[in-house]
C-alpha atoms as a PDB file:
ATOM      1  CA  UNK A   1      -3.405  -0.784 -14.241  1.00  0.00           C
ATOM      2  CA  UNK A   2      -1.974   1.829 -11.903  1.00  0.00           C
ATOM      3  CA  UNK A   3      -0.158   0.736  -8.787  1.00  0.00           C
ATOM      4  CA  UNK A   4       1.046   2.602  -5.719  1.00  0.00           C
ATOM      5  CA  UNK A   5       3.549   1.408  -3.154  1.00  0.00           C
ATOM      6  CA  UNK A   6       2.741   2.061   0.479  1.00  0.00           C
ATOM      7  CA  UNK A   7       3.866   0.279   3.652  1.00  0.00           C
ATOM      8  CA  UNK A   8       6.339  -1.731   1.539  1.00  0.00           C
ATOM      9  CA  UNK A   9       3.494  -3.252  -0.465  1.00  0.00           C
ATOM     10  CA  UNK A  10       2.355  -2.503  -4.004  1.00  0.00           C
ATOM     11  CA  UNK A  11      -1.373  -1.982  -4.496  1.00  0.00           C
ATOM     12  CA  UNK A  12      -3.540  -1.550  -7.559  1.00  0.00           C
ATOM     13  CA  UNK A  13      -5.467   1.733  -7.529  1.00  0.00           C
ATOM     14  CA  UNK A  14      -9.049   1.357  -8.688  1.00  0.00           C
ATOM     15  CA  UNK A  15     -12.331   3.056  -8.025  1.00  0.00           C
ATOM     16  CA  UNK A  16     -15.401   1.401  -6.555  1.00  0.00           C
ATOM     17  CA  UNK A  17     -18.798   2.772  -5.565  1.00  0.00           C
ATOM     18  CA  UNK A  18     -17.491   3.521  -2.058  1.00  0.00           C
ATOM     19  CA  UNK A  19     -14.415   5.350  -3.363  1.00  0.00           C
ATOM     20  CA  UNK A  20     -16.402   7.332  -5.960  1.00  0.00           C
ATOM     21  CA  UNK A  21     -18.890   8.423  -3.301  1.00  0.00           C
ATOM     22  CA  UNK A  22     -15.993   9.429  -1.021  1.00  0.00           C
ATOM     23  CA  UNK A  23     -14.274  11.478  -3.739  1.00  0.00           C
ATOM     24  CA  UNK A  24     -17.460  13.211  -4.905  1.00  0.00           C
ATOM     25  CA  UNK A  25     -18.142  14.226  -1.305  1.00  0.00           C
ATOM     26  CA  UNK A  26     -14.752  15.918  -1.034  1.00  0.00           C
ATOM     27  CA  UNK A  27     -15.553  18.563  -3.647  1.00  0.00           C
ATOM     28  CA  UNK A  28     -18.288  21.163  -3.707  1.00  0.00           C
ATOM     29  CA  UNK A  29     -18.574  20.681  -7.465  1.00  0.00           C
ATOM     30  CA  UNK A  30     -18.783  16.893  -7.098  1.00  0.00           C
ATOM     31  CA  UNK A  31     -17.729  14.760 -10.049  1.00  0.00           C
ATOM     32  CA  UNK A  32     -17.028  17.662 -12.390  1.00  0.00           C
ATOM     33  CA  UNK A  33     -14.690  19.373  -9.948  1.00  0.00           C
ATOM     34  CA  UNK A  34     -12.914  16.071  -9.303  1.00  0.00           C
ATOM     35  CA  UNK A  35     -12.447  15.506 -13.036  1.00  0.00           C
ATOM     36  CA  UNK A  36     -10.966  19.005 -13.410  1.00  0.00           C
ATOM     37  CA  UNK A  37      -8.579  18.516 -10.524  1.00  0.00           C
ATOM     38  CA  UNK A  38      -7.540  15.083 -11.797  1.00  0.00           C
ATOM     39  CA  UNK A  39      -6.802  16.540 -15.235  1.00  0.00           C
ATOM     40  CA  UNK A  40      -4.725  19.301 -13.622  1.00  0.00           C
ATOM     41  CA  UNK A  41      -2.707  16.886 -11.505  1.00  0.00           C
ATOM     42  CA  UNK A  42      -3.792  18.876  -8.453  1.00  0.00           C
ATOM     43  CA  UNK A  43      -1.342  18.183  -5.613  1.00  0.00           C
ATOM     44  CA  UNK A  44      -3.976  18.412  -2.867  1.00  0.00           C
ATOM     45  CA  UNK A  45      -6.353  16.094  -4.694  1.00  0.00           C
ATOM     46  CA  UNK A  46      -3.773  13.430  -5.488  1.00  0.00           C
ATOM     47  CA  UNK A  47      -3.597  11.876  -1.980  1.00  0.00           C
ATOM     48  CA  UNK A  48      -7.419  11.741  -1.929  1.00  0.00           C
ATOM     49  CA  UNK A  49      -7.416   9.864  -5.241  1.00  0.00           C
ATOM     50  CA  UNK A  50      -4.766   7.417  -4.034  1.00  0.00           C
ATOM     51  CA  UNK A  51      -6.587   6.910  -0.740  1.00  0.00           C
ATOM     52  CA  UNK A  52      -9.900   6.265  -2.518  1.00  0.00           C
ATOM     53  CA  UNK A  53      -8.151   3.976  -4.995  1.00  0.00           C
ATOM     54  CA  UNK A  54      -7.028   1.788  -2.093  1.00  0.00           C
ATOM     55  CA  UNK A  55     -10.501   1.251  -0.574  1.00  0.00           C
ATOM     56  CA  UNK A  56     -11.040  -1.946  -2.573  1.00  0.00           C
ATOM     57  CA  UNK A  57      -8.094  -3.613  -0.818  1.00  0.00           C
ATOM     58  CA  UNK A  58      -9.888  -3.764   2.514  1.00  0.00           C
ATOM     59  CA  UNK A  59      -6.615  -2.882   4.250  1.00  0.00           C
ATOM     60  CA  UNK A  60      -8.100   0.325   5.713  1.00  0.00           C
ATOM     61  CA  UNK A  61      -5.018   2.421   4.994  1.00  0.00           C
ATOM     62  CA  UNK A  62      -5.404   5.772   6.720  1.00  0.00           C
ATOM     63  CA  UNK A  63      -5.461   8.985   4.704  1.00  0.00           C
ATOM     64  CA  UNK A  64      -2.596  10.359   6.828  1.00  0.00           C
ATOM     65  CA  UNK A  65      -0.500   7.337   5.836  1.00  0.00           C
ATOM     66  CA  UNK A  66      -1.197   7.985   2.147  1.00  0.00           C
ATOM     67  CA  UNK A  67      -0.478  11.690   2.507  1.00  0.00           C
ATOM     68  CA  UNK A  68       2.821  10.970   4.304  1.00  0.00           C
ATOM     69  CA  UNK A  69       3.837   8.565   1.524  1.00  0.00           C
ATOM     70  CA  UNK A  70       3.026  11.120  -1.191  1.00  0.00           C
ATOM     71  CA  UNK A  71       5.023  13.751   0.707  1.00  0.00           C
ATOM     72  CA  UNK A  72       7.947  11.327   1.015  1.00  0.00           C
ATOM     73  CA  UNK A  73       7.874  10.540  -2.718  1.00  0.00           C
ATOM     74  CA  UNK A  74       7.837  14.227  -3.645  1.00  0.00           C
ATOM     75  CA  UNK A  75      10.523  15.186  -1.120  1.00  0.00           C
ATOM     76  CA  UNK A  76      12.771  12.382  -2.411  1.00  0.00           C
ATOM     77  CA  UNK A  77      12.225  13.369  -6.041  1.00  0.00           C
ATOM     78  CA  UNK A  78      10.572  10.030  -6.810  1.00  0.00           C
ATOM     79  CA  UNK A  79       7.318  11.444  -8.183  1.00  0.00           C
ATOM     80  CA  UNK A  80       6.759  14.529 -10.326  1.00  0.00           C
ATOM     81  CA  UNK A  81       3.767  16.610 -11.374  1.00  0.00           C
ATOM     82  CA  UNK A  82       3.744  14.664 -14.637  1.00  0.00           C
ATOM     83  CA  UNK A  83       3.574  11.369 -12.720  1.00  0.00           C
ATOM     84  CA  UNK A  84       0.795  12.687 -10.488  1.00  0.00           C
ATOM     85  CA  UNK A  85      -1.217  13.935 -13.468  1.00  0.00           C
ATOM     86  CA  UNK A  86      -0.825  10.606 -15.296  1.00  0.00           C
ATOM     87  CA  UNK A  87      -1.864   8.560 -12.259  1.00  0.00           C
ATOM     88  CA  UNK A  88      -4.852  10.825 -11.554  1.00  0.00           C
ATOM     89  CA  UNK A  89      -5.844  10.665 -15.220  1.00  0.00           C
ATOM     90  CA  UNK A  90      -5.707   6.890 -15.355  1.00  0.00           C
ATOM     91  CA  UNK A  91      -7.426   6.301 -12.008  1.00  0.00           C
ATOM     92  CA  UNK A  92     -10.149   8.943 -12.368  1.00  0.00           C
ATOM     93  CA  UNK A  93     -10.735  10.204 -15.893  1.00  0.00           C
ATOM     94  CA  UNK A  94     -10.092   6.869 -17.597  1.00  0.00           C
ATOM     95  CA  UNK A  95     -12.070   4.867 -15.041  1.00  0.00           C
ATOM     96  CA  UNK A  96     -15.242   3.058 -16.056  1.00  0.00           C
ATOM     97  CA  UNK A  97     -17.355   5.548 -14.085  1.00  0.00           C
ATOM     98  CA  UNK A  98     -16.001   8.885 -15.350  1.00  0.00           C
ATOM     99  CA  UNK A  99     -14.747   8.043 -18.859  1.00  0.00           C
ATOM    100  CA  UNK A 100     -17.956   8.714 -20.816  1.00  0.00           C
ATOM    101  CA  UNK A 101     -18.375  12.096 -19.131  1.00  0.00           C
ATOM    102  CA  UNK A 102     -14.749  13.024 -19.777  1.00  0.00           C
ATOM    103  CA  UNK A 103     -15.084  11.976 -23.427  1.00  0.00           C
ATOM    104  CA  UNK A 104     -18.149  14.230 -23.798  1.00  0.00           C
ATOM    105  CA  UNK A 105     -16.307  17.142 -22.208  1.00  0.00           C
ATOM    106  CA  UNK A 106     -13.366  16.594 -24.556  1.00  0.00           C
ATOM    107  CA  UNK A 107     -15.647  16.454 -27.598  1.00  0.00           C
ATOM    108  CA  UNK A 108     -17.067  19.862 -26.687  1.00  0.00           C
ATOM    109  CA  UNK A 109     -13.678  21.418 -25.945  1.00  0.00           C
ATOM    110  CA  UNK A 110     -11.022  20.686 -28.600  1.00  0.00           C
ATOM    111  CA  UNK A 111      -8.330  22.640 -26.729  1.00  0.00           C
ATOM    112  CA  UNK A 112      -8.871  20.576 -23.595  1.00  0.00           C
ATOM    113  CA  UNK A 113      -8.797  17.395 -25.667  1.00  0.00           C
ATOM    114  CA  UNK A 114      -5.480  18.385 -27.238  1.00  0.00           C
ATOM    115  CA  UNK A 115      -3.974  19.171 -23.816  1.00  0.00           C
ATOM    116  CA  UNK A 116      -5.133  15.820 -22.438  1.00  0.00           C
ATOM    117  CA  UNK A 117      -3.717  13.963 -25.432  1.00  0.00           C
ATOM    118  CA  UNK A 118      -0.357  15.679 -24.836  1.00  0.00           C
ATOM    119  CA  UNK A 119      -0.463  14.659 -21.181  1.00  0.00           C
ATOM    120  CA  UNK A 120      -1.189  11.061 -22.100  1.00  0.00           C
ATOM    121  CA  UNK A 121       1.698  11.118 -24.562  1.00  0.00           C
END
């Protein structure tokens, strides 16, 4: 379970239908582009993933609030690229919805699989 602290409260990040639809709509390449960006630990995609992962809470946390919190964490040296990549991996590529697709992609690309295994430690 991945958590993220925002507004002095810790939340679980998880994907739902609404959050998956939101994320897929943010990328021209849909799910496949999202998976690639999650695996890369893309800095511009990370706040979108966190924001979508908070939808299930019903707290209606604004994207700008999430983005400001991510900026604060980076500026204060509290979150690194490695942390971002691990969170994005767990929330997106290891989620119930994307996992089978990611596993297929890894099976067909041994180099990508090895890189992902190194990331996961």
